[in-house]
Amino acid sequence: MITTDAFAPGLLGQPCWLERSDGERIALPTDRWRAAPESGEELLLRHCTGPTLDVGCGPGRMVAALCARGVPALGTDVSPVAVRLAVAAGAPAVRRDVFDRLPGEGWWHHVLLVDGNIGIGGNPVRLLGRVRELLRAGGSALIEVDPPGGGVRHGRVRVATAATGGAWFDWAWLAADAVAGVAGAAGLSTGWVREAGGRWFAQVRA
């Protein structure tokens, strides 16, 4: 399970890596977390036409962008640092694990999983099954995925800085070509999968 402060160094601007148990290090886009949404993320924002829940909202940039457009939105994150930063940026947010009881269950029109958050819990089928419970009938989850070719991967990771390495937790990666199978196993249908701004995104529907 992710410790509540695992991503705190990155949220506060330190360079960080997601370190796999096999030694591979994946640089985390910490500068992007604090910036305005990029061109690819605009694709997701345009599809959020009703109340939206951002799971793993970090500093709340997507929530703030939606609120500025008049779209009701709420962020949720296990990190107290993330929630504090989000609220300070004018983004409504609560400190809550996605697998715990959340406000508006079964009511949300859209759920966002951006910046690799499809990996939360190390099991994309379980996570999307939980997302299905959060969505109203006909609602959609808008998720960032890896480029085609990687399938579904699972592993133990930790967030490391130049000075320290944190606690290990389960994580997962979902590639674009595996979205339909994972979504179907979670009781969701696939709307679209596409590249935008050099990143890959998908829409799946309840």
Foldseek 3Di string as FASTA:
>chain_A
DDDQCQCVCLLVPAWKWKAFPVGDTHTAPSVCLPDADDFQCVVVLVVQPEEEEEEQCFLPRSQLVNVVVVHHYEYEGLHPSRCVNNVVSVGHYDHDHLPDDDPQFQHGQEYEAERQNCFPQQANLVSLLSVVRRHHAFHKYKYFAAEPDDAKDKGWIGMDGPVGTDDIGITMGHYQVNVQVSQVSSVWHWDDWDDTPNTIMTMITD
